Amino acid sequence: MSKASQVKKFAYAVQRVAEMRKDPMFTVAQLKQIASDAKINIEKFDDIITKLNDNGYLLKKGLGTYKFQIID
C-alpha cells in the first residue's frame, strides 16, 4: 500500500473513532492502536502523523496529544 493511501486510510480510521467517542483528542498511544487496528504500517507511523499534521488534520496540542480535525 502506498504512503498516500496509508495516510488516507489512517485519517478515516481516526475520524471514525473520533465520531464514535465524540472526542477529537488522542494520545500517541491511542493513535498507534488505531493504526494497528486499521492494519497501517506502524514503521511509517511518524511519517503519517507528520503528513496529517502538515495538512492540518491532526494538530499537536501538547506533549503526546493531538486533536483531529474532522474531514468533510
Protein backbone atom coordinates (compact mmCIF):
# COMPACT_ATOMS: atom_id res chain seq x y z
CA MET A 1 0.00 0.00 0.00
CA SER A 2 1.40 3.41 -0.94
CA LYS A 3 2.17 6.01 1.69
CA ALA A 4 -0.61 8.28 0.41
CA SER A 5 -3.20 5.54 0.66
CA GLN A 6 -1.99 4.65 4.18
CA VAL A 7 -2.33 8.30 5.24
CA LYS A 8 -5.86 8.46 3.84
CA LYS A 9 -6.89 5.13 5.40
CA PHE A 10 -5.48 6.20 8.77
CA ALA A 11 -7.22 9.60 8.63
CA TYR A 12 -10.59 7.98 8.02
CA ALA A 13 -9.97 5.43 10.79
CA VAL A 14 -9.16 8.23 13.26
CA GLN A 15 -12.24 10.16 12.12
CA ARG A 16 -14.50 7.15 12.75
CA VAL A 17 -13.11 6.74 16.27
CA ALA A 18 -13.40 10.48 16.99
CA GLU A 19 -17.03 10.47 15.86
CA MET A 20 -17.87 7.36 17.91
CA ARG A 21 -16.21 8.79 21.04
CA LYS A 22 -17.47 12.33 20.34
CA ASP A 23 -13.96 13.44 21.30
CA PRO A 24 -11.31 14.59 18.81
CA MET A 25 -8.41 14.38 21.30
CA PHE A 26 -5.97 11.46 21.08
CA THR A 27 -2.74 10.40 22.71
CA VAL A 28 0.06 8.94 20.61
CA ALA A 29 -0.68 5.52 22.14
CA GLN A 30 -4.32 5.76 21.06
CA LEU A 31 -3.31 6.79 17.54
CA LYS A 32 -0.88 3.86 17.32
CA GLN A 33 -3.65 1.50 18.41
CA ILE A 34 -5.98 2.89 15.73
CA ALA A 35 -3.22 2.44 13.14
CA SER A 36 -2.64 -1.12 14.28
CA ASP A 37 -6.36 -1.93 14.19
CA ALA A 38 -6.58 -0.46 10.66
CA LYS A 39 -3.57 -2.54 9.55
CA ILE A 40 -1.46 0.56 8.86
CA ASN A 41 2.32 0.05 8.65
CA ILE A 42 3.48 1.13 12.13
CA GLU A 43 7.06 1.53 10.88
CA LYS A 44 5.90 4.63 8.98
CA PHE A 45 3.68 5.89 11.81
CA ASP A 46 5.73 9.06 12.49
CA ASP A 47 5.68 9.94 8.78
CA ILE A 48 1.90 9.54 8.68
CA ILE A 49 1.43 11.71 11.79
CA THR A 50 3.72 14.38 10.31
CA LYS A 51 1.83 14.36 6.99
CA LEU A 52 -1.56 14.74 8.72
CA ASN A 53 -0.14 17.49 10.94
CA ASP A 54 1.35 19.35 7.96
CA ASN A 55 -2.03 19.19 6.20
CA GLY A 56 -3.94 20.47 9.23
CA TYR A 57 -5.91 17.31 10.00
CA LEU A 58 -4.07 16.28 13.15
CA LEU A 59 -2.99 19.20 15.31
CA LYS A 60 -0.41 18.81 18.06
CA LYS A 61 -1.89 20.15 21.29
CA GLY A 62 0.77 19.22 23.81
CA LEU A 63 3.27 16.58 24.73
CA GLY A 64 1.99 13.42 23.06
CA THR A 65 -1.52 14.79 22.49
CA TYR A 66 -3.23 15.54 19.18
CA LYS A 67 -6.58 16.94 18.10
CA PHE A 68 -8.16 15.52 14.96
CA GLN A 69 -9.92 17.98 12.67
CA ILE A 70 -12.97 16.27 11.13
CA ILE A 71 -12.77 15.71 7.37
CA ASP A 72 -15.86 16.92 5.48
